[in-house]
Amino acid sequence: MDYVLRRATPEDAEAIVLMHTAAHEESYGHLLSPGFFAERRRSIPERVARRRPYLDVPHPRIVAEEASGEIVGLADAGPPRQEDSPFALELYSIFVLARAQGSGLGTALLEAALGDSPAYLWVLEENVKAQSFYLRQGFAFDGGRGNLPPEWESVPELRMVRDRPAS
């Protein structure tokens, strides 16, 4: 299937939040409690309102659409969120709905968000599938460790870095 990649706009906020919610359930269903996902679904209206200004920035916020116009993937990157970051570009998130995984869409989103720039990201410690994807894209573990905030059940995460693009 063909996908169109484009910059997200504030008008995409609701579609992005709905896709992101579904992607979280698909990707993290085995890592987080049912209560976490119930709260994510309950908070959709507030999250849409918070997402609109987030999409109105110069940093890459890329969405992937199917021919129908439905958003099936996203990637966003920007300045580091930590002072001790290894590079000046952080991949904040990349998600592709399960039905579009394995199509090359994740790689295309990653390239659209990061280009050839050195970058880093955080990945859940138990998300082996995502780790494998990032390893194939030239990222490596650098020993950085952390935990998501309590509202994300303090799930452990690992930092990965890429100082040059995958060959």
N, C-alpha and C. Protein backbone atom coordinates (compact mmCIF):
# COMPACT_ATOMS: atom_id res chain seq x y z
N MET A 1 0.84 -1.18 0.00
CA MET A 1 0.00 0.00 0.00
C MET A 1 0.89 1.25 0.00
N ASP A 2 0.44 2.28 -0.68
CA ASP A 2 1.18 3.53 -0.74
C ASP A 2 0.71 4.46 0.38
N TYR A 3 1.66 5.22 0.89
CA TYR A 3 1.38 6.19 1.94
C TYR A 3 1.93 7.54 1.51
N VAL A 4 1.29 8.58 1.99
CA VAL A 4 1.76 9.93 1.75
C VAL A 4 2.30 10.46 3.07
N LEU A 5 3.54 10.96 3.05
CA LEU A 5 4.12 11.60 4.23
C LEU A 5 3.99 13.10 4.06
N ARG A 6 3.62 13.77 5.15
CA ARG A 6 3.51 15.23 5.12
C ARG A 6 3.70 15.77 6.52
N ARG A 7 3.95 17.07 6.60
CA ARG A 7 4.04 17.73 7.90
C ARG A 7 2.65 17.78 8.51
N ALA A 8 2.59 17.51 9.78
CA ALA A 8 1.33 17.60 10.50
C ALA A 8 0.98 19.07 10.72
N THR A 9 -0.31 19.33 10.84
CA THR A 9 -0.80 20.68 11.13
C THR A 9 -1.69 20.61 12.37
N PRO A 10 -1.98 21.74 12.99
CA PRO A 10 -2.87 21.73 14.15
C PRO A 10 -4.23 21.09 13.84
N GLU A 11 -4.67 21.16 12.60
CA GLU A 11 -5.96 20.56 12.22
C GLU A 11 -5.92 19.03 12.29
N ASP A 12 -4.73 18.45 12.33
CA ASP A 12 -4.57 16.99 12.41
C ASP A 12 -4.65 16.47 13.84
N ALA A 13 -4.77 17.35 14.82
CA ALA A 13 -4.62 16.96 16.22
C ALA A 13 -5.52 15.78 16.61
N GLU A 14 -6.79 15.85 16.27
CA GLU A 14 -7.69 14.77 16.70
C GLU A 14 -7.32 13.44 16.04
N ALA A 15 -7.08 13.45 14.75
CA ALA A 15 -6.72 12.21 14.05
C ALA A 15 -5.42 11.64 14.60
N ILE A 16 -4.47 12.51 14.92
CA ILE A 16 -3.19 12.04 15.46
C ILE A 16 -3.38 11.43 16.84
N VAL A 17 -4.14 12.08 17.70
CA VAL A 17 -4.35 11.54 19.04
C VAL A 17 -5.07 10.20 18.97
N LEU A 18 -6.05 10.06 18.11
CA LEU A 18 -6.76 8.78 17.97
C LEU A 18 -5.81 7.69 17.46
N MET A 19 -4.99 8.02 16.45
CA MET A 19 -4.03 7.04 15.93
C MET A 19 -3.00 6.69 16.99
N HIS A 20 -2.51 7.71 17.69
CA HIS A 20 -1.50 7.50 18.73
C HIS A 20 -2.04 6.61 19.84
N THR A 21 -3.29 6.83 20.22
CA THR A 21 -3.92 6.00 21.25
C THR A 21 -3.99 4.55 20.81
N ALA A 22 -4.42 4.32 19.58
CA ALA A 22 -4.49 2.95 19.06
C ALA A 22 -3.10 2.34 18.98
N ALA A 23 -2.11 3.11 18.53
CA ALA A 23 -0.74 2.60 18.42
C ALA A 23 -0.17 2.25 19.78
N HIS A 24 -0.47 3.06 20.79
CA HIS A 24 0.00 2.74 22.14
C HIS A 24 -0.58 1.41 22.60
N GLU A 25 -1.86 1.19 22.36
CA GLU A 25 -2.48 -0.07 22.77
C GLU A 25 -1.87 -1.24 22.02
N GLU A 26 -1.61 -1.08 20.73
CA GLU A 26 -1.00 -2.15 19.95
C GLU A 26 0.44 -2.43 20.40
N SER A 27 1.19 -1.37 20.65
CA SER A 27 2.62 -1.52 20.95
C SER A 27 2.91 -1.85 22.40
N TYR A 28 2.12 -1.30 23.30
CA TYR A 28 2.43 -1.39 24.73
C TYR A 28 1.40 -2.18 25.53
N GLY A 29 0.48 -2.86 24.86
CA GLY A 29 -0.57 -3.58 25.56
C GLY A 29 -0.04 -4.59 26.56
N HIS A 30 1.11 -5.15 26.30
CA HIS A 30 1.71 -6.14 27.19
C HIS A 30 2.59 -5.50 28.27
N LEU A 31 2.81 -4.19 28.20
CA LEU A 31 3.73 -3.52 29.12
C LEU A 31 3.04 -2.62 30.14
N LEU A 32 1.83 -2.17 29.84
CA LEU A 32 1.11 -1.24 30.72
C LEU A 32 -0.25 -1.82 31.10
N SER A 33 -0.78 -1.35 32.19
CA SER A 33 -2.03 -1.90 32.73
C SER A 33 -3.26 -1.49 31.93
N PRO A 34 -4.33 -2.26 32.02
CA PRO A 34 -5.58 -1.86 31.37
C PRO A 34 -6.07 -0.50 31.86
N GLY A 35 -5.82 -0.18 33.12
CA GLY A 35 -6.22 1.13 33.65
C GLY A 35 -5.50 2.28 32.95
N PHE A 36 -4.25 2.07 32.59
CA PHE A 36 -3.51 3.09 31.86
C PHE A 36 -4.21 3.40 30.55
N PHE A 37 -4.58 2.36 29.81
CA PHE A 37 -5.21 2.57 28.51
C PHE A 37 -6.61 3.15 28.65
N ALA A 38 -7.33 2.76 29.69
CA ALA A 38 -8.65 3.36 29.93
C ALA A 38 -8.51 4.86 30.16
N GLU A 39 -7.51 5.26 30.92
CA GLU A 39 -7.27 6.68 31.17
C GLU A 39 -6.86 7.40 29.88
N ARG A 40 -6.06 6.77 29.04
CA ARG A 40 -5.67 7.38 27.76
C ARG A 40 -6.91 7.63 26.89
N ARG A 41 -7.81 6.66 26.85
CA ARG A 41 -9.04 6.84 26.05
C ARG A 41 -9.92 7.93 26.66
N ARG A 42 -10.01 7.97 27.99
CA ARG A 42 -10.84 8.98 28.65
C ARG A 42 -10.31 10.38 28.40
N SER A 43 -9.00 10.52 28.30
CA SER A 43 -8.39 11.84 28.19
C SER A 43 -8.21 12.32 26.74
N ILE A 44 -8.80 11.65 25.79
CA ILE A 44 -8.62 12.04 24.39
C ILE A 44 -8.97 13.51 24.15
N PRO A 45 -10.12 14.02 24.61
CA PRO A 45 -10.41 15.44 24.33
C PRO A 45 -9.35 16.40 24.87
N GLU A 46 -8.85 16.16 26.08
CA GLU A 46 -7.81 17.05 26.63
C GLU A 46 -6.51 16.92 25.85
N ARG A 47 -6.19 15.70 25.44
CA ARG A 47 -4.96 15.47 24.69
C ARG A 47 -5.03 16.12 23.31
N VAL A 48 -6.20 16.13 22.69
CA VAL A 48 -6.36 16.82 21.41
C VAL A 48 -6.09 18.31 21.58
N ALA A 49 -6.65 18.90 22.64
CA ALA A 49 -6.45 20.33 22.88
C ALA A 49 -4.97 20.65 23.13
N ARG A 50 -4.26 19.78 23.86
CA ARG A 50 -2.83 20.00 24.11
C ARG A 50 -2.00 19.77 22.85
N ARG A 51 -2.45 18.89 21.98
CA ARG A 51 -1.67 18.54 20.78
C ARG A 51 -1.67 19.66 19.74
N ARG A 52 -2.77 20.42 19.64
CA ARG A 52 -2.85 21.45 18.60
C ARG A 52 -1.66 22.40 18.60
N PRO A 53 -1.33 23.07 19.72
CA PRO A 53 -0.17 23.97 19.68
C PRO A 53 1.15 23.23 19.48
N TYR A 54 1.23 22.00 19.90
CA TYR A 54 2.43 21.19 19.72
C TYR A 54 2.71 20.96 18.24
N LEU A 55 1.66 20.93 17.43
CA LEU A 55 1.81 20.70 16.00
C LEU A 55 2.11 21.98 15.23
N ASP A 56 2.04 23.12 15.89
CA ASP A 56 2.24 24.41 15.24
C ASP A 56 3.64 24.93 15.55
N VAL A 57 4.66 24.12 15.23
CA VAL A 57 6.06 24.46 15.49
C VAL A 57 6.89 24.13 14.25
N PRO A 58 8.11 24.66 14.17
CA PRO A 58 8.94 24.38 13.00
C PRO A 58 9.62 23.01 13.01
N HIS A 59 9.64 22.33 14.14
CA HIS A 59 10.30 21.03 14.22
C HIS A 59 9.48 19.98 13.49
N PRO A 60 10.13 18.95 12.98
CA PRO A 60 9.41 17.94 12.20
C PRO A 60 8.33 17.22 13.00
N ARG A 61 7.14 17.31 12.55
CA ARG A 61 5.99 16.53 13.02
C ARG A 61 5.42 15.93 11.74
N ILE A 62 5.75 14.68 11.48
CA ILE A 62 5.42 14.04 10.21
C ILE A 62 4.31 13.01 10.43
N VAL A 63 3.33 13.02 9.54
CA VAL A 63 2.29 12.00 9.58
C VAL A 63 2.32 11.23 8.27
N ALA A 64 1.83 10.00 8.34
CA ALA A 64 1.68 9.14 7.16
C ALA A 64 0.20 8.86 6.99
N GLU A 65 -0.27 9.09 5.77
CA GLU A 65 -1.69 8.87 5.48
C GLU A 65 -1.84 7.76 4.45
N GLU A 66 -2.90 7.00 4.62
CA GLU A 66 -3.31 6.04 3.59
C GLU A 66 -4.03 6.82 2.50
N ALA A 67 -4.33 6.17 1.40
CA ALA A 67 -5.04 6.81 0.29
C ALA A 67 -6.38 7.38 0.75
N SER A 68 -6.99 6.75 1.76
CA SER A 68 -8.27 7.22 2.29
C SER A 68 -8.15 8.51 3.09
N GLY A 69 -6.91 8.91 3.40
CA GLY A 69 -6.69 10.10 4.22
C GLY A 69 -6.52 9.78 5.69
N GLU A 70 -6.68 8.50 6.07
CA GLU A 70 -6.52 8.12 7.47
C GLU A 70 -5.04 8.12 7.86
N ILE A 71 -4.74 8.72 9.00
CA ILE A 71 -3.38 8.75 9.50
C ILE A 71 -3.06 7.40 10.13
N VAL A 72 -1.96 6.78 9.65
CA VAL A 72 -1.57 5.45 10.13
C VAL A 72 -0.18 5.45 10.76
N GLY A 73 0.49 6.61 10.75
CA GLY A 73 1.81 6.69 11.35
C GLY A 73 2.18 8.12 11.65
N LEU A 74 3.17 8.27 12.53
CA LEU A 74 3.67 9.59 12.86
C LEU A 74 5.10 9.47 13.36
N ALA A 75 5.83 10.55 13.19
CA ALA A 75 7.17 10.67 13.75
C ALA A 75 7.37 12.13 14.09
N ASP A 76 7.98 12.38 15.24
CA ASP A 76 8.31 13.77 15.56
C ASP A 76 9.64 13.84 16.28
N ALA A 77 10.35 14.91 15.97
CA ALA A 77 11.68 15.12 16.50
C ALA A 77 11.87 16.60 16.77
N GLY A 78 12.90 16.91 17.54
CA GLY A 78 13.18 18.30 17.83
C GLY A 78 14.34 18.43 18.78
N PRO A 79 14.47 19.59 19.39
CA PRO A 79 15.58 19.83 20.32
C PRO A 79 15.53 18.86 21.50
N PRO A 80 16.67 18.56 22.07
CA PRO A 80 16.71 17.63 23.20
C PRO A 80 15.87 18.13 24.38
N ARG A 81 15.31 17.19 25.10
CA ARG A 81 14.52 17.53 26.29
C ARG A 81 15.38 17.48 27.55
N GLN A 82 16.57 16.90 27.47
CA GLN A 82 17.46 16.82 28.63
C GLN A 82 18.70 17.68 28.38
N GLU A 83 19.22 18.25 29.45
CA GLU A 83 20.42 19.09 29.33
C GLU A 83 21.65 18.28 28.95
N ASP A 84 21.73 17.02 29.38
CA ASP A 84 22.91 16.20 29.13
C ASP A 84 22.75 15.32 27.89
N SER A 85 22.00 15.80 26.91
CA SER A 85 21.73 14.99 25.73
C SER A 85 22.99 14.79 24.90
N PRO A 86 23.11 13.64 24.25
CA PRO A 86 24.31 13.35 23.46
C PRO A 86 24.34 14.08 22.12
N PHE A 87 23.18 14.51 21.61
CA PHE A 87 23.10 15.19 20.32
C PHE A 87 22.06 16.30 20.39
N ALA A 88 22.05 17.16 19.38
CA ALA A 88 21.13 18.30 19.35
C ALA A 88 19.77 17.96 18.77
N LEU A 89 19.53 16.69 18.43
CA LEU A 89 18.26 16.26 17.86
C LEU A 89 17.79 15.01 18.57
N GLU A 90 16.55 15.04 19.05
CA GLU A 90 15.93 13.89 19.71
C GLU A 90 14.73 13.43 18.91
N LEU A 91 14.63 12.13 18.69
CA LEU A 91 13.42 11.55 18.13
C LEU A 91 12.48 11.34 19.30
N TYR A 92 11.42 12.14 19.35
CA TYR A 92 10.47 12.05 20.47
C TYR A 92 9.60 10.81 20.36
N SER A 93 9.12 10.54 19.16
CA SER A 93 8.27 9.36 18.99
C SER A 93 8.16 9.00 17.52
N ILE A 94 7.91 7.73 17.32
CA ILE A 94 7.57 7.22 16.00
C ILE A 94 6.64 6.05 16.23
N PHE A 95 5.50 6.09 15.58
CA PHE A 95 4.51 5.03 15.72
C PHE A 95 3.90 4.74 14.36
N VAL A 96 3.67 3.47 14.10
CA VAL A 96 2.99 3.00 12.89
C VAL A 96 1.97 1.98 13.35
N LEU A 97 0.73 2.14 12.91
CA LEU A 97 -0.29 1.14 13.27
C LEU A 97 0.14 -0.23 12.77
N ALA A 98 -0.27 -1.26 13.49
CA ALA A 98 0.16 -2.63 13.19
C ALA A 98 -0.11 -3.02 11.75
N ARG A 99 -1.22 -2.59 11.20
CA ARG A 99 -1.56 -3.00 9.83
C ARG A 99 -0.61 -2.42 8.78
N ALA A 100 0.16 -1.38 9.13
CA ALA A 100 1.10 -0.78 8.19
C ALA A 100 2.55 -1.14 8.51
N GLN A 101 2.77 -1.88 9.58
CA GLN A 101 4.14 -2.27 9.93
C GLN A 101 4.66 -3.29 8.93
N GLY A 102 5.97 -3.25 8.71
CA GLY A 102 6.60 -4.16 7.76
C GLY A 102 6.53 -3.66 6.33
N SER A 103 5.98 -2.47 6.12
CA SER A 103 5.83 -1.92 4.77
C SER A 103 6.95 -0.96 4.39
N GLY A 104 7.85 -0.67 5.33
CA GLY A 104 8.88 0.33 5.09
C GLY A 104 8.47 1.72 5.56
N LEU A 105 7.24 1.83 6.04
CA LEU A 105 6.74 3.12 6.47
C LEU A 105 7.51 3.67 7.67
N GLY A 106 7.87 2.82 8.62
CA GLY A 106 8.64 3.28 9.78
C GLY A 106 9.97 3.89 9.36
N THR A 107 10.65 3.24 8.44
CA THR A 107 11.93 3.77 7.94
C THR A 107 11.72 5.11 7.24
N ALA A 108 10.68 5.21 6.43
CA ALA A 108 10.39 6.47 5.72
C ALA A 108 10.08 7.59 6.71
N LEU A 109 9.31 7.28 7.75
CA LEU A 109 9.00 8.29 8.77
C LEU A 109 10.26 8.73 9.51
N LEU A 110 11.10 7.77 9.85
CA LEU A 110 12.34 8.08 10.55
C LEU A 110 13.22 9.00 9.71
N GLU A 111 13.36 8.68 8.43
CA GLU A 111 14.16 9.51 7.53
C GLU A 111 13.57 10.90 7.38
N ALA A 112 12.24 10.99 7.31
CA ALA A 112 11.59 12.30 7.17
C ALA A 112 11.79 13.16 8.42
N ALA A 113 11.80 12.54 9.58
CA ALA A 113 11.94 13.29 10.84
C ALA A 113 13.38 13.65 11.15
N LEU A 114 14.33 12.76 10.81
CA LEU A 114 15.73 12.97 11.21
C LEU A 114 16.68 13.28 10.07
N GLY A 115 16.35 12.87 8.86
CA GLY A 115 17.31 13.00 7.78
C GLY A 115 18.57 12.23 8.12
N ASP A 116 19.73 12.80 7.82
CA ASP A 116 21.01 12.16 8.12
C ASP A 116 21.61 12.65 9.43
N SER A 117 20.88 13.43 10.18
CA SER A 117 21.43 14.05 11.39
C SER A 117 21.71 13.04 12.49
N PRO A 118 22.78 13.27 13.24
CA PRO A 118 22.97 12.50 14.47
C PRO A 118 21.78 12.76 15.39
N ALA A 119 21.34 11.73 16.08
CA ALA A 119 20.15 11.87 16.92
C ALA A 119 20.16 10.82 18.02
N TYR A 120 19.26 11.00 18.96
CA TYR A 120 19.08 10.00 20.00
C TYR A 120 17.60 9.84 20.28
N LEU A 121 17.26 8.79 21.01
CA LEU A 121 15.87 8.48 21.35
C LEU A 121 15.85 7.66 22.62
N TRP A 122 14.67 7.54 23.18
CA TRP A 122 14.43 6.66 24.33
C TRP A 122 13.44 5.60 23.88
N VAL A 123 13.71 4.36 24.25
CA VAL A 123 12.85 3.23 23.89
C VAL A 123 12.57 2.42 25.15
N LEU A 124 11.36 1.89 25.25
CA LEU A 124 11.03 1.09 26.42
C LEU A 124 11.93 -0.13 26.51
N GLU A 125 12.41 -0.41 27.70
CA GLU A 125 13.36 -1.49 27.92
C GLU A 125 12.82 -2.84 27.43
N GLU A 126 11.53 -3.06 27.58
CA GLU A 126 10.95 -4.34 27.18
C GLU A 126 10.36 -4.32 25.77
N ASN A 127 10.53 -3.25 25.04
CA ASN A 127 10.00 -3.18 23.68
C ASN A 127 11.07 -3.63 22.69
N VAL A 128 11.28 -4.94 22.65
CA VAL A 128 12.34 -5.54 21.84
C VAL A 128 12.09 -5.31 20.36
N LYS A 129 10.85 -5.31 19.94
CA LYS A 129 10.54 -5.08 18.52
C LYS A 129 11.02 -3.69 18.09
N ALA A 130 10.73 -2.67 18.88
CA ALA A 130 11.19 -1.31 18.54
C ALA A 130 12.71 -1.22 18.59
N GLN A 131 13.31 -1.85 19.58
CA GLN A 131 14.78 -1.83 19.68
C GLN A 131 15.41 -2.43 18.43
N SER A 132 14.86 -3.54 17.95
CA SER A 132 15.38 -4.17 16.74
C SER A 132 15.26 -3.24 15.54
N PHE A 133 14.14 -2.55 15.44
CA PHE A 133 13.96 -1.58 14.35
C PHE A 133 15.03 -0.50 14.42
N TYR A 134 15.24 0.07 15.60
CA TYR A 134 16.23 1.15 15.72
C TYR A 134 17.66 0.65 15.46
N LEU A 135 17.97 -0.55 15.89
CA LEU A 135 19.29 -1.11 15.60
C LEU A 135 19.51 -1.21 14.09
N ARG A 136 18.49 -1.65 13.35
CA ARG A 136 18.59 -1.73 11.89
C ARG A 136 18.76 -0.35 11.26
N GLN A 137 18.32 0.70 11.95
CA GLN A 137 18.41 2.07 11.44
C GLN A 137 19.69 2.76 11.86
N GLY A 138 20.62 2.02 12.45
CA GLY A 138 21.91 2.59 12.80
C GLY A 138 22.04 3.11 14.21
N PHE A 139 21.03 2.92 15.04
CA PHE A 139 21.10 3.34 16.44
C PHE A 139 21.78 2.26 17.27
N ALA A 140 22.38 2.67 18.38
CA ALA A 140 23.01 1.74 19.31
C ALA A 140 22.72 2.21 20.73
N PHE A 141 22.70 1.28 21.65
CA PHE A 141 22.52 1.62 23.07
C PHE A 141 23.77 2.33 23.56
N ASP A 142 23.58 3.39 24.34
CA ASP A 142 24.75 4.11 24.87
C ASP A 142 24.86 4.02 26.38
N GLY A 143 24.03 3.21 27.01
CA GLY A 143 24.09 3.03 28.46
C GLY A 143 23.15 3.93 29.23
N GLY A 144 22.53 4.90 28.55
CA GLY A 144 21.56 5.77 29.22
C GLY A 144 20.33 4.99 29.64
N ARG A 145 19.88 5.21 30.86
CA ARG A 145 18.71 4.52 31.40
C ARG A 145 17.82 5.54 32.09
N GLY A 146 16.54 5.26 32.12
CA GLY A 146 15.59 6.14 32.80
C GLY A 146 14.29 5.41 33.02
N ASN A 147 13.33 6.15 33.50
CA ASN A 147 11.99 5.63 33.69
C ASN A 147 11.00 6.67 33.20
N LEU A 148 9.92 6.19 32.60
CA LEU A 148 8.84 7.09 32.23
C LEU A 148 8.23 7.67 33.51
N PRO A 149 7.51 8.77 33.40
CA PRO A 149 6.89 9.36 34.60
C PRO A 149 5.84 8.43 35.22
N PRO A 150 5.47 8.69 36.48
CA PRO A 150 4.50 7.83 37.17
C PRO A 150 3.19 7.62 36.40
N GLU A 151 2.71 8.66 35.68
CA GLU A 151 1.46 8.47 34.94
C GLU A 151 1.63 7.47 33.80
N TRP A 152 2.87 7.14 33.46
CA TRP A 152 3.19 6.09 32.50
C TRP A 152 3.71 4.86 33.24
N GLU A 153 3.35 4.74 34.50
CA GLU A 153 3.65 3.59 35.35
C GLU A 153 5.15 3.35 35.53
N SER A 154 5.94 4.40 35.37
CA SER A 154 7.39 4.36 35.62
C SER A 154 8.10 3.23 34.86
N VAL A 155 7.63 2.93 33.67
CA VAL A 155 8.22 1.86 32.87
C VAL A 155 9.68 2.23 32.54
N PRO A 156 10.62 1.29 32.68
CA PRO A 156 12.02 1.56 32.36
C PRO A 156 12.24 1.78 30.87
N GLU A 157 13.17 2.70 30.56
CA GLU A 157 13.51 2.96 29.17
C GLU A 157 15.03 3.07 29.02
N LEU A 158 15.47 2.88 27.78
CA LEU A 158 16.89 2.89 27.45
C LEU A 158 17.14 3.93 26.37
N ARG A 159 18.32 4.54 26.40
CA ARG A 159 18.66 5.52 25.38
C ARG A 159 19.46 4.86 24.26
N MET A 160 19.12 5.25 23.04
CA MET A 160 19.85 4.80 21.86
C MET A 160 20.32 6.03 21.09
N VAL A 161 21.48 5.92 20.46
CA VAL A 161 22.06 7.04 19.71
C VAL A 161 22.46 6.60 18.31
N ARG A 162 22.46 7.58 17.42
CA ARG A 162 22.94 7.34 16.05
C ARG A 162 23.78 8.54 15.66
N ASP A 163 25.07 8.34 15.50
CA ASP A 163 25.92 9.47 15.14
C ASP A 163 26.09 9.59 13.63
N ARG A 164 25.59 8.62 12.89
CA ARG A 164 25.55 8.70 11.43
C ARG A 164 24.42 7.78 10.96
N PRO A 165 23.89 8.02 9.78
CA PRO A 165 22.78 7.20 9.30
C PRO A 165 23.20 5.75 9.04
N ALA A 166 22.19 4.88 9.03
CA ALA A 166 22.46 3.46 8.72
C ALA A 166 23.02 3.35 7.31
N SER A 167 23.92 2.40 7.11
CA SER A 167 24.51 2.24 5.76
C SER A 167 23.75 1.25 4.93
